[in-house]
Amino acid sequence: MPIEILGKINLEEVLNIQSIASNTKIGYMLKIIDIFKKN
């Protein structure tokens, strides 16, 4: 995941979230991020 997308989110927190989250939840989060990037 590109660093610029993470913004102010702590990198360790993101990695921990991804390690415990399902692929579906990760995909959903990335879609939401993509929507915000386009706006």
Protein backbone atom coordinates (compact mmCIF):
# COMPACT_ATOMS: atom_id res chain seq x y z
CA MET A 1 0.00 0.00 0.00
CA PRO A 2 1.49 3.36 -1.01
CA ILE A 3 2.58 5.50 1.92
CA GLU A 4 0.67 8.57 0.67
CA ILE A 5 -2.61 6.67 1.08
CA LEU A 6 -1.85 5.95 4.73
CA GLY A 7 -1.53 9.63 5.57
CA LYS A 8 -1.55 10.15 9.33
CA ILE A 9 -2.43 6.53 10.13
CA ASN A 10 0.25 4.73 12.12
CA LEU A 11 1.96 2.21 9.84
CA GLU A 12 2.17 -0.45 12.57
CA GLU A 13 -1.56 -0.07 13.25
CA VAL A 14 -2.36 -0.57 9.57
CA LEU A 15 -0.19 -3.67 9.30
CA ASN A 16 -1.79 -5.09 12.45
CA ILE A 17 -5.28 -4.38 11.11
CA GLN A 18 -4.44 -6.12 7.83
CA SER A 19 -3.02 -9.13 9.67
CA ILE A 20 -6.28 -9.71 11.56
CA ALA A 21 -8.79 -8.47 8.97
CA SER A 22 -10.37 -10.62 6.28
CA ASN A 23 -9.50 -9.96 2.64
CA THR A 24 -13.05 -8.73 2.15
CA LYS A 25 -12.68 -6.04 4.79
CA ILE A 26 -9.31 -4.96 3.39
CA GLY A 27 -10.78 -4.74 -0.10
CA TYR A 28 -13.70 -2.70 1.22
CA MET A 29 -11.33 -0.30 3.00
CA LEU A 30 -9.24 0.14 -0.14
CA LYS A 31 -12.36 0.89 -2.18
CA ILE A 32 -13.40 3.57 0.32
CA ILE A 33 -9.89 5.08 0.20
CA ASP A 34 -10.02 5.08 -3.61
CA ILE A 35 -13.36 6.92 -3.54
CA PHE A 36 -11.92 9.60 -1.25
CA LYS A 37 -8.86 9.97 -3.51
CA LYS A 38 -11.07 10.65 -6.54
CA ASN A 39 -13.08 13.37 -4.75
